[in-house]
Amino acid sequence: TPYGNGAKIDAQKKYIGHRVFVIILKN
């Protein structure tokens, strides 16, 4: 469903954003 795809994309953005945030903290 379109909603399911949107949720997947949103989850990926949050996950990527979290990864970047952790990398910045480590530096």
PDB file of N, CA and C in Angstrom:
ATOM      1  N   THR A   1       0.840  -1.204   0.000  1.00  0.00           N
ATOM      2  CA  THR A   1       0.000   0.000   0.000  1.00  0.00           C
ATOM      3  C   THR A   1       0.870   1.247   0.000  1.00  0.00           C
ATOM      4  N   PRO A   2       0.367   2.355  -0.513  1.00  0.00           N
ATOM      5  CA  PRO A   2       1.149   3.611  -0.496  1.00  0.00           C
ATOM      6  C   PRO A   2       1.560   4.001   0.918  1.00  0.00           C
ATOM      7  N   TYR A   3       0.656   3.782   1.882  1.00  0.00           N
ATOM      8  CA  TYR A   3       0.973   4.148   3.271  1.00  0.00           C
ATOM      9  C   TYR A   3       2.127   3.287   3.787  1.00  0.00           C
ATOM     10  N   GLY A   4       2.106   1.991   3.453  1.00  0.00           N
ATOM     11  CA  GLY A   4       3.173   1.086   3.892  1.00  0.00           C
ATOM     12  C   GLY A   4       4.516   1.516   3.313  1.00  0.00           C
ATOM     13  N   ASN A   5       4.533   1.876   2.033  1.00  0.00           N
ATOM     14  CA  ASN A   5       5.779   2.322   1.409  1.00  0.00           C
ATOM     15  C   ASN A   5       6.270   3.606   2.054  1.00  0.00           C
ATOM     16  N   GLY A   6       5.358   4.526   2.335  1.00  0.00           N
ATOM     17  CA  GLY A   6       5.725   5.793   2.969  1.00  0.00           C
ATOM     18  C   GLY A   6       6.318   5.543   4.340  1.00  0.00           C
ATOM     19  N   ALA A   7       5.748   4.591   5.069  1.00  0.00           N
ATOM     20  CA  ALA A   7       6.247   4.282   6.412  1.00  0.00           C
ATOM     21  C   ALA A   7       7.648   3.695   6.325  1.00  0.00           C
ATOM     22  N   LYS A   8       7.890   2.852   5.319  1.00  0.00           N
ATOM     23  CA  LYS A   8       9.228   2.256   5.146  1.00  0.00           C
ATOM     24  C   LYS A   8      10.253   3.346   4.866  1.00  0.00           C
ATOM     25  N   ILE A   9       9.920   4.257   3.969  1.00  0.00           N
ATOM     26  CA  ILE A   9      10.842   5.345   3.616  1.00  0.00           C
ATOM     27  C   ILE A   9      11.110   6.217   4.839  1.00  0.00           C
ATOM     28  N   ASP A  10      10.072   6.511   5.607  1.00  0.00           N
ATOM     29  CA  ASP A  10      10.219   7.343   6.800  1.00  0.00           C
ATOM     30  C   ASP A  10      11.119   6.644   7.814  1.00  0.00           C
ATOM     31  N   ALA A  11      10.936   5.331   7.967  1.00  0.00           N
ATOM     32  CA  ALA A  11      11.757   4.567   8.913  1.00  0.00           C
ATOM     33  C   ALA A  11      13.216   4.581   8.466  1.00  0.00           C
ATOM     34  N   GLN A  12      13.454   4.462   7.167  1.00  0.00           N
ATOM     35  CA  GLN A  12      14.826   4.493   6.653  1.00  0.00           C
ATOM     36  C   GLN A  12      15.463   5.852   6.912  1.00  0.00           C
ATOM     37  N   LYS A  13      14.702   6.920   6.712  1.00  0.00           N
ATOM     38  CA  LYS A  13      15.238   8.270   6.961  1.00  0.00           C
ATOM     39  C   LYS A  13      15.612   8.422   8.431  1.00  0.00           C
ATOM     40  N   LYS A  14      14.748   7.942   9.324  1.00  0.00           N
ATOM     41  CA  LYS A  14      15.026   8.042  10.758  1.00  0.00           C
ATOM     42  C   LYS A  14      16.265   7.224  11.102  1.00  0.00           C
ATOM     43  N   TYR A  15      16.370   6.026  10.519  1.00  0.00           N
ATOM     44  CA  TYR A  15      17.504   5.150  10.801  1.00  0.00           C
ATOM     45  C   TYR A  15      18.797   5.783  10.313  1.00  0.00           C
ATOM     46  N   ILE A  16      18.780   6.309   9.090  1.00  0.00           N
ATOM     47  CA  ILE A  16      19.974   6.959   8.532  1.00  0.00           C
ATOM     48  C   ILE A  16      20.337   8.181   9.364  1.00  0.00           C
ATOM     49  N   GLY A  17      19.344   8.971   9.734  1.00  0.00           N
ATOM     50  CA  GLY A  17      19.586  10.155  10.553  1.00  0.00           C
ATOM     51  C   GLY A  17      20.201   9.778  11.888  1.00  0.00           C
ATOM     52  N   HIS A  18      19.751   8.686  12.472  1.00  0.00           N
ATOM     53  CA  HIS A  18      20.289   8.225  13.757  1.00  0.00           C
ATOM     54  C   HIS A  18      21.742   7.799  13.590  1.00  0.00           C
ATOM     55  N   ARG A  19      22.052   7.095  12.492  1.00  0.00           N
ATOM     56  CA  ARG A  19      23.420   6.650  12.223  1.00  0.00           C
ATOM     57  C   ARG A  19      24.342   7.861  12.107  1.00  0.00           C
ATOM     58  N   VAL A  20      23.916   8.858  11.348  1.00  0.00           N
ATOM     59  CA  VAL A  20      24.718  10.070  11.152  1.00  0.00           C
ATOM     60  C   VAL A  20      24.931  10.775  12.483  1.00  0.00           C
ATOM     61  N   PHE A  21      23.886  10.845  13.307  1.00  0.00           N
ATOM     62  CA  PHE A  21      23.965  11.505  14.611  1.00  0.00           C
ATOM     63  C   PHE A  21      24.991  10.801  15.500  1.00  0.00           C
ATOM     64  N   VAL A  22      24.972   9.478  15.503  1.00  0.00           N
ATOM     65  CA  VAL A  22      25.918   8.701  16.321  1.00  0.00           C
ATOM     66  C   VAL A  22      27.346   8.921  15.825  1.00  0.00           C
ATOM     67  N   ILE A  23      27.533   8.933  14.514  1.00  0.00           N
ATOM     68  CA  ILE A  23      28.875   9.151  13.948  1.00  0.00           C
ATOM     69  C   ILE A  23      29.391  10.529  14.351  1.00  0.00           C
ATOM     70  N   ILE A  24      28.531  11.540  14.303  1.00  0.00           N
ATOM     71  CA  ILE A  24      28.943  12.900  14.687  1.00  0.00           C
ATOM     72  C   ILE A  24      29.345  12.920  16.164  1.00  0.00           C
ATOM     73  N   LEU A  25      28.583  12.237  17.003  1.00  0.00           N
ATOM     74  CA  LEU A  25      28.898  12.213  18.436  1.00  0.00           C
ATOM     75  C   LEU A  25      30.253  11.554  18.682  1.00  0.00           C
ATOM     76  N   LYS A  26      30.547  10.492  17.925  1.00  0.00           N
ATOM     77  CA  LYS A  26      31.817   9.780  18.120  1.00  0.00           C
ATOM     78  C   LYS A  26      32.997  10.648  17.708  1.00  0.00           C
ATOM     79  N   ASN A  27      32.787  11.506  16.718  1.00  0.00           N
ATOM     80  CA  ASN A  27      33.868  12.404  16.303  1.00  0.00           C
ATOM     81  C   ASN A  27      33.956  13.533  17.310  1.00  0.00           C
TER      82      ASN A  27
END
